[in-house]
Amino acid sequence: MQPTVLLADEPSGNLDHQNAESLHALFAELSRDLGLAIVVATHNRALAERADRVLVLADGRLAPSDGAAGMV
C-alpha cells in the first residue's frame, strides 16, 4: 500500500527523547522521500518546529501559527 496521508495523534507522547527524535526523523524522511503528507496532533514543540505548517486550536477554532511558538 502507498498511502498519501499519514494521521498521527500524539505519536511521541509516551516516548523517551531519543526515540521521539528517531520518530520525528522518520516522519521527515517519509515526507521527503515518498511525498507523504503527515498530519500530526501534538503538544511536542520539537515536532511542531519541524513541520511545514502549524495550526493551533484556540477556543474551538483552528488558526495559523507563525511556527511552534504559538503552540499551546
PDB file of N, CA and C in Angstrom:
ATOM      1  N   MET A   1       0.838  -1.173   0.000  1.00  0.00           N
ATOM      2  CA  MET A   1       0.000   0.000   0.000  1.00  0.00           C
ATOM      3  C   MET A   1       0.886   1.240   0.000  1.00  0.00           C
ATOM      4  N   GLN A   2       0.408   2.269  -0.647  1.00  0.00           N
ATOM      5  CA  GLN A   2       1.146   3.526  -0.718  1.00  0.00           C
ATOM      6  C   GLN A   2       0.212   4.674  -0.364  1.00  0.00           C
ATOM      7  N   PRO A   3      -0.012   4.896   0.926  1.00  0.00           N
ATOM      8  CA  PRO A   3      -0.914   5.978   1.316  1.00  0.00           C
ATOM      9  C   PRO A   3      -0.339   7.334   0.948  1.00  0.00           C
ATOM     10  N   THR A   4      -1.211   8.317   0.802  1.00  0.00           N
ATOM     11  CA  THR A   4      -0.756   9.672   0.509  1.00  0.00           C
ATOM     12  C   THR A   4      -0.776  10.554   1.758  1.00  0.00           C
ATOM     13  N   VAL A   5      -1.480  10.083   2.807  1.00  0.00           N
ATOM     14  CA  VAL A   5      -1.593  10.853   4.044  1.00  0.00           C
ATOM     15  C   VAL A   5      -1.390   9.919   5.237  1.00  0.00           C
ATOM     16  N   LEU A   6      -0.651  10.395   6.219  1.00  0.00           N
ATOM     17  CA  LEU A   6      -0.466   9.691   7.486  1.00  0.00           C
ATOM     18  C   LEU A   6      -1.025  10.581   8.586  1.00  0.00           C
ATOM     19  N   LEU A   7      -1.957  10.062   9.383  1.00  0.00           N
ATOM     20  CA  LEU A   7      -2.528  10.800  10.507  1.00  0.00           C
ATOM     21  C   LEU A   7      -1.899  10.269  11.789  1.00  0.00           C
ATOM     22  N   ALA A   8      -1.432  11.168  12.659  1.00  0.00           N
ATOM     23  CA  ALA A   8      -0.789  10.760  13.904  1.00  0.00           C
ATOM     24  C   ALA A   8      -1.266  11.645  15.047  1.00  0.00           C
ATOM     25  N   ASP A   9      -1.782  11.020  16.085  1.00  0.00           N
ATOM     26  CA  ASP A   9      -2.279  11.739  17.259  1.00  0.00           C
ATOM     27  C   ASP A   9      -1.303  11.514  18.412  1.00  0.00           C
ATOM     28  N   GLU A  10      -0.576  12.539  18.799  1.00  0.00           N
ATOM     29  CA  GLU A  10       0.433  12.481  19.864  1.00  0.00           C
ATOM     30  C   GLU A  10       1.371  11.275  19.672  1.00  0.00           C
ATOM     31  N   PRO A  11       2.014  11.177  18.497  1.00  0.00           N
ATOM     32  CA  PRO A  11       2.808   9.990  18.186  1.00  0.00           C
ATOM     33  C   PRO A  11       4.012   9.769  19.090  1.00  0.00           C
ATOM     34  N   SER A  12       4.551  10.819  19.678  1.00  0.00           N
ATOM     35  CA  SER A  12       5.733  10.639  20.528  1.00  0.00           C
ATOM     36  C   SER A  12       5.434  10.948  21.990  1.00  0.00           C
ATOM     37  N   GLY A  13       4.159  10.987  22.340  1.00  0.00           N
ATOM     38  CA  GLY A  13       3.751  11.362  23.682  1.00  0.00           C
ATOM     39  C   GLY A  13       4.310  10.483  24.789  1.00  0.00           C
ATOM     40  N   ASN A  14       4.478   9.200  24.541  1.00  0.00           N
ATOM     41  CA  ASN A  14       4.962   8.279  25.566  1.00  0.00           C
ATOM     42  C   ASN A  14       6.367   7.767  25.285  1.00  0.00           C
ATOM     43  N   LEU A  15       7.096   8.466  24.406  1.00  0.00           N
ATOM     44  CA  LEU A  15       8.448   8.028  24.061  1.00  0.00           C
ATOM     45  C   LEU A  15       9.491   8.850  24.792  1.00  0.00           C
ATOM     46  N   ASP A  16      10.639   8.226  25.047  1.00  0.00           N
ATOM     47  CA  ASP A  16      11.766   8.979  25.593  1.00  0.00           C
ATOM     48  C   ASP A  16      12.317   9.878  24.487  1.00  0.00           C
ATOM     49  N   HIS A  17      13.177  10.804  24.868  1.00  0.00           N
ATOM     50  CA  HIS A  17      13.687  11.814  23.934  1.00  0.00           C
ATOM     51  C   HIS A  17      14.341  11.187  22.701  1.00  0.00           C
ATOM     52  N   GLN A  18      15.182  10.186  22.892  1.00  0.00           N
ATOM     53  CA  GLN A  18      15.911   9.582  21.776  1.00  0.00           C
ATOM     54  C   GLN A  18      14.958   8.915  20.776  1.00  0.00           C
ATOM     55  N   ASN A  19      14.000   8.155  21.281  1.00  0.00           N
ATOM     56  CA  ASN A  19      13.050   7.501  20.374  1.00  0.00           C
ATOM     57  C   ASN A  19      12.106   8.494  19.725  1.00  0.00           C
ATOM     58  N   ALA A  20      11.753   9.557  20.442  1.00  0.00           N
ATOM     59  CA  ALA A  20      10.922  10.608  19.847  1.00  0.00           C
ATOM     60  C   ALA A  20      11.655  11.268  18.683  1.00  0.00           C
ATOM     61  N   GLU A  21      12.928  11.573  18.877  1.00  0.00           N
ATOM     62  CA  GLU A  21      13.730  12.174  17.798  1.00  0.00           C
ATOM     63  C   GLU A  21      13.827  11.239  16.601  1.00  0.00           C
ATOM     64  N   SER A  22      13.979   9.942  16.847  1.00  0.00           N
ATOM     65  CA  SER A  22      14.029   8.963  15.754  1.00  0.00           C
ATOM     66  C   SER A  22      12.720   8.951  14.976  1.00  0.00           C
ATOM     67  N   LEU A  23      11.608   9.024  15.699  1.00  0.00           N
ATOM     68  CA  LEU A  23      10.299   9.054  15.042  1.00  0.00           C
ATOM     69  C   LEU A  23      10.127  10.325  14.225  1.00  0.00           C
ATOM     70  N   HIS A  24      10.547  11.451  14.774  1.00  0.00           N
ATOM     71  CA  HIS A  24      10.446  12.721  14.049  1.00  0.00           C
ATOM     72  C   HIS A  24      11.276  12.676  12.773  1.00  0.00           C
ATOM     73  N   ALA A  25      12.465  12.096  12.854  1.00  0.00           N
ATOM     74  CA  ALA A  25      13.318  11.956  11.667  1.00  0.00           C
ATOM     75  C   ALA A  25      12.659  11.041  10.634  1.00  0.00           C
ATOM     76  N   LEU A  26      12.010   9.984  11.086  1.00  0.00           N
ATOM     77  CA  LEU A  26      11.310   9.072  10.176  1.00  0.00           C
ATOM     78  C   LEU A  26      10.170   9.798   9.469  1.00  0.00           C
ATOM     79  N   PHE A  27       9.415  10.600  10.202  1.00  0.00           N
ATOM     80  CA  PHE A  27       8.349  11.383   9.570  1.00  0.00           C
ATOM     81  C   PHE A  27       8.923  12.283   8.476  1.00  0.00           C
ATOM     82  N   ALA A  28      10.024  12.961   8.768  1.00  0.00           N
ATOM     83  CA  ALA A  28      10.648  13.853   7.783  1.00  0.00           C
ATOM     84  C   ALA A  28      11.100  13.063   6.557  1.00  0.00           C
ATOM     85  N   GLU A  29      11.670  11.892   6.787  1.00  0.00           N
ATOM     86  CA  GLU A  29      12.139  11.051   5.680  1.00  0.00           C
ATOM     87  C   GLU A  29      10.970  10.577   4.819  1.00  0.00           C
ATOM     88  N   LEU A  30       9.903  10.134   5.439  1.00  0.00           N
ATOM     89  CA  LEU A  30       8.732   9.681   4.683  1.00  0.00           C
ATOM     90  C   LEU A  30       8.126  10.810   3.863  1.00  0.00           C
ATOM     91  N   SER A  31       8.057  11.977   4.451  1.00  0.00           N
ATOM     92  CA  SER A  31       7.509  13.131   3.741  1.00  0.00           C
ATOM     93  C   SER A  31       8.386  13.503   2.554  1.00  0.00           C
ATOM     94  N   ARG A  32       9.683  13.570   2.804  1.00  0.00           N
ATOM     95  CA  ARG A  32      10.630  13.978   1.754  1.00  0.00           C
ATOM     96  C   ARG A  32      10.732  12.928   0.648  1.00  0.00           C
ATOM     97  N   ASP A  33      10.938  11.675   1.023  1.00  0.00           N
ATOM     98  CA  ASP A  33      11.232  10.633   0.033  1.00  0.00           C
ATOM     99  C   ASP A  33      10.002  10.086  -0.682  1.00  0.00           C
ATOM    100  N   LEU A  34       8.869  10.044   0.018  1.00  0.00           N
ATOM    101  CA  LEU A  34       7.661   9.460  -0.575  1.00  0.00           C
ATOM    102  C   LEU A  34       6.597  10.493  -0.911  1.00  0.00           C
ATOM    103  N   GLY A  35       6.834  11.751  -0.551  1.00  0.00           N
ATOM    104  CA  GLY A  35       5.837  12.782  -0.788  1.00  0.00           C
ATOM    105  C   GLY A  35       4.608  12.602   0.089  1.00  0.00           C
ATOM    106  N   LEU A  36       4.782  11.928   1.205  1.00  0.00           N
ATOM    107  CA  LEU A  36       3.687  11.638   2.111  1.00  0.00           C
ATOM    108  C   LEU A  36       3.309  12.882   2.906  1.00  0.00           C
ATOM    109  N   ALA A  37       2.036  13.206   2.930  1.00  0.00           N
ATOM    110  CA  ALA A  37       1.542  14.296   3.770  1.00  0.00           C
ATOM    111  C   ALA A  37       1.316  13.719   5.164  1.00  0.00           C
ATOM    112  N   ILE A  38       1.846  14.384   6.180  1.00  0.00           N
ATOM    113  CA  ILE A  38       1.716  13.895   7.548  1.00  0.00           C
ATOM    114  C   ILE A  38       0.982  14.953   8.368  1.00  0.00           C
ATOM    115  N   VAL A  39      -0.143  14.555   8.935  1.00  0.00           N
ATOM    116  CA  VAL A  39      -0.953  15.438   9.773  1.00  0.00           C
ATOM    117  C   VAL A  39      -0.795  14.940  11.206  1.00  0.00           C
ATOM    118  N   VAL A  40      -0.270  15.811  12.077  1.00  0.00           N
ATOM    119  CA  VAL A  40       0.045  15.407  13.446  1.00  0.00           C
ATOM    120  C   VAL A  40      -0.668  16.318  14.440  1.00  0.00           C
ATOM    121  N   ALA A  41      -1.322  15.714  15.417  1.00  0.00           N
ATOM    122  CA  ALA A  41      -1.846  16.453  16.567  1.00  0.00           C
ATOM    123  C   ALA A  41      -0.833  16.239  17.688  1.00  0.00           C
ATOM    124  N   THR A  42      -0.248  17.326  18.199  1.00  0.00           N
ATOM    125  CA  THR A  42       0.810  17.167  19.197  1.00  0.00           C
ATOM    126  C   THR A  42       0.927  18.386  20.103  1.00  0.00           C
ATOM    127  N   HIS A  43       1.498  18.151  21.270  1.00  0.00           N
ATOM    128  CA  HIS A  43       1.911  19.218  22.166  1.00  0.00           C
ATOM    129  C   HIS A  43       3.432  19.323  22.163  1.00  0.00           C
ATOM    130  N   ASN A  44       4.095  18.484  21.369  1.00  0.00           N
ATOM    131  CA  ASN A  44       5.554  18.424  21.337  1.00  0.00           C
ATOM    132  C   ASN A  44       6.095  19.556  20.458  1.00  0.00           C
ATOM    133  N   ARG A  45       6.714  20.532  21.089  1.00  0.00           N
ATOM    134  CA  ARG A  45       7.225  21.698  20.360  1.00  0.00           C
ATOM    135  C   ARG A  45       8.309  21.316  19.348  1.00  0.00           C
ATOM    136  N   ALA A  46       9.172  20.372  19.706  1.00  0.00           N
ATOM    137  CA  ALA A  46      10.241  19.962  18.799  1.00  0.00           C
ATOM    138  C   ALA A  46       9.666  19.391  17.504  1.00  0.00           C
ATOM    139  N   LEU A  47       8.616  18.608  17.615  1.00  0.00           N
ATOM    140  CA  LEU A  47       7.978  18.050  16.425  1.00  0.00           C
ATOM    141  C   LEU A  47       7.291  19.152  15.618  1.00  0.00           C
ATOM    142  N   ALA A  48       6.593  20.045  16.283  1.00  0.00           N
ATOM    143  CA  ALA A  48       5.905  21.138  15.588  1.00  0.00           C
ATOM    144  C   ALA A  48       6.893  22.034  14.846  1.00  0.00           C
ATOM    145  N   GLU A  49       8.061  22.244  15.419  1.00  0.00           N
ATOM    146  CA  GLU A  49       9.068  23.093  14.775  1.00  0.00           C
ATOM    147  C   GLU A  49       9.581  22.496  13.475  1.00  0.00           C
ATOM    148  N   ARG A  50       9.429  21.201  13.299  1.00  0.00           N
ATOM    149  CA  ARG A  50       9.874  20.540  12.066  1.00  0.00           C
ATOM    150  C   ARG A  50       8.814  20.586  10.973  1.00  0.00           C
ATOM    151  N   ALA A  51       7.620  21.012  11.318  1.00  0.00           N
ATOM    152  CA  ALA A  51       6.500  20.997  10.371  1.00  0.00           C
ATOM    153  C   ALA A  51       6.607  22.134   9.360  1.00  0.00           C
ATOM    154  N   ASP A  52       6.066  21.881   8.170  1.00  0.00           N
ATOM    155  CA  ASP A  52       5.991  22.919   7.140  1.00  0.00           C
ATOM    156  C   ASP A  52       4.918  23.944   7.477  1.00  0.00           C
ATOM    157  N   ARG A  53       3.895  23.490   8.178  1.00  0.00           N
ATOM    158  CA  ARG A  53       2.777  24.370   8.534  1.00  0.00           C
ATOM    159  C   ARG A  53       2.265  23.973   9.912  1.00  0.00           C
ATOM    160  N   VAL A  54       1.994  24.954  10.732  1.00  0.00           N
ATOM    161  CA  VAL A  54       1.484  24.703  12.082  1.00  0.00           C
ATOM    162  C   VAL A  54       0.159  25.433  12.260  1.00  0.00           C
ATOM    163  N   LEU A  55      -0.829  24.707  12.728  1.00  0.00           N
ATOM    164  CA  LEU A  55      -2.112  25.284  13.090  1.00  0.00           C
ATOM    165  C   LEU A  55      -2.308  25.045  14.576  1.00  0.00           C
ATOM    166  N   VAL A  56      -2.934  25.994  15.244  1.00  0.00           N
ATOM    167  CA  VAL A  56      -3.233  25.822  16.661  1.00  0.00           C
ATOM    168  C   VAL A  56      -4.738  25.812  16.843  1.00  0.00           C
ATOM    169  N   LEU A  57      -5.176  25.081  17.854  1.00  0.00           N
ATOM    170  CA  LEU A  57      -6.584  25.045  18.199  1.00  0.00           C
ATOM    171  C   LEU A  57      -6.770  25.974  19.386  1.00  0.00           C
ATOM    172  N   ALA A  58      -7.521  27.036  19.171  1.00  0.00           N
ATOM    173  CA  ALA A  58      -7.763  28.015  20.224  1.00  0.00           C
ATOM    174  C   ALA A  58      -9.245  28.355  20.246  1.00  0.00           C
ATOM    175  N   ASP A  59      -9.859  28.192  21.384  1.00  0.00           N
ATOM    176  CA  ASP A  59     -11.289  28.484  21.540  1.00  0.00           C
ATOM    177  C   ASP A  59     -12.137  27.731  20.519  1.00  0.00           C
ATOM    178  N   GLY A  60     -11.752  26.493  20.252  1.00  0.00           N
ATOM    179  CA  GLY A  60     -12.525  25.657  19.339  1.00  0.00           C
ATOM    180  C   GLY A  60     -12.335  25.958  17.871  1.00  0.00           C
ATOM    181  N   ARG A  61     -11.360  26.803  17.532  1.00  0.00           N
ATOM    182  CA  ARG A  61     -11.117  27.162  16.127  1.00  0.00           C
ATOM    183  C   ARG A  61      -9.658  26.912  15.763  1.00  0.00           C
ATOM    184  N   LEU A  62      -9.444  26.465  14.536  1.00  0.00           N
ATOM    185  CA  LEU A  62      -8.081  26.315  14.029  1.00  0.00           C
ATOM    186  C   LEU A  62      -7.591  27.657  13.519  1.00  0.00           C
ATOM    187  N   ALA A  63      -6.377  27.982  13.874  1.00  0.00           N
ATOM    188  CA  ALA A  63      -5.791  29.246  13.436  1.00  0.00           C
ATOM    189  C   ALA A  63      -4.349  29.007  13.032  1.00  0.00           C
ATOM    190  N   PRO A  64      -3.864  29.702  11.997  1.00  0.00           N
ATOM    191  CA  PRO A  64      -2.468  29.560  11.614  1.00  0.00           C
ATOM    192  C   PRO A  64      -1.553  30.085  12.717  1.00  0.00           C
ATOM    193  N   SER A  65      -0.368  29.529  12.762  1.00  0.00           N
ATOM    194  CA  SER A  65       0.630  29.967  13.731  1.00  0.00           C
ATOM    195  C   SER A  65       1.870  30.394  12.977  1.00  0.00           C
ATOM    196  N   ASP A  66       2.647  31.266  13.573  1.00  0.00           N
ATOM    197  CA  ASP A  66       3.923  31.662  12.964  1.00  0.00           C
ATOM    198  C   ASP A  66       5.001  30.648  13.299  1.00  0.00           C
ATOM    199  N   GLY A  67       4.619  29.425  13.596  1.00  0.00           N
ATOM    200  CA  GLY A  67       5.562  28.380  13.991  1.00  0.00           C
ATOM    201  C   GLY A  67       5.127  27.810  15.310  1.00  0.00           C
ATOM    202  N   ALA A  68       5.982  26.997  15.887  1.00  0.00           N
ATOM    203  CA  ALA A  68       5.662  26.307  17.127  1.00  0.00           C
ATOM    204  C   ALA A  68       5.531  27.266  18.299  1.00  0.00           C
ATOM    205  N   ALA A  69       6.045  28.484  18.168  1.00  0.00           N
ATOM    206  CA  ALA A  69       5.971  29.441  19.270  1.00  0.00           C
ATOM    207  C   ALA A  69       4.522  29.703  19.666  1.00  0.00           C
ATOM    208  N   GLY A  70       3.600  29.572  18.710  1.00  0.00           N
ATOM    209  CA  GLY A  70       2.203  29.812  19.007  1.00  0.00           C
ATOM    210  C   GLY A  70       1.476  28.600  19.552  1.00  0.00           C
ATOM    211  N   MET A  71       2.186  27.499  19.688  1.00  0.00           N
ATOM    212  CA  MET A  71       1.550  26.287  20.201  1.00  0.00           C
ATOM    213  C   MET A  71       1.153  26.461  21.652  1.00  0.00           C
ATOM    214  N   VAL A  72       0.055  25.847  21.984  1.00  0.00           N
ATOM    215  CA  VAL A  72      -0.405  25.849  23.382  1.00  0.00           C
ATOM    216  C   VAL A  72      -0.287  24.432  23.895  1.00  0.00           C
TER     217      VAL A  72
END
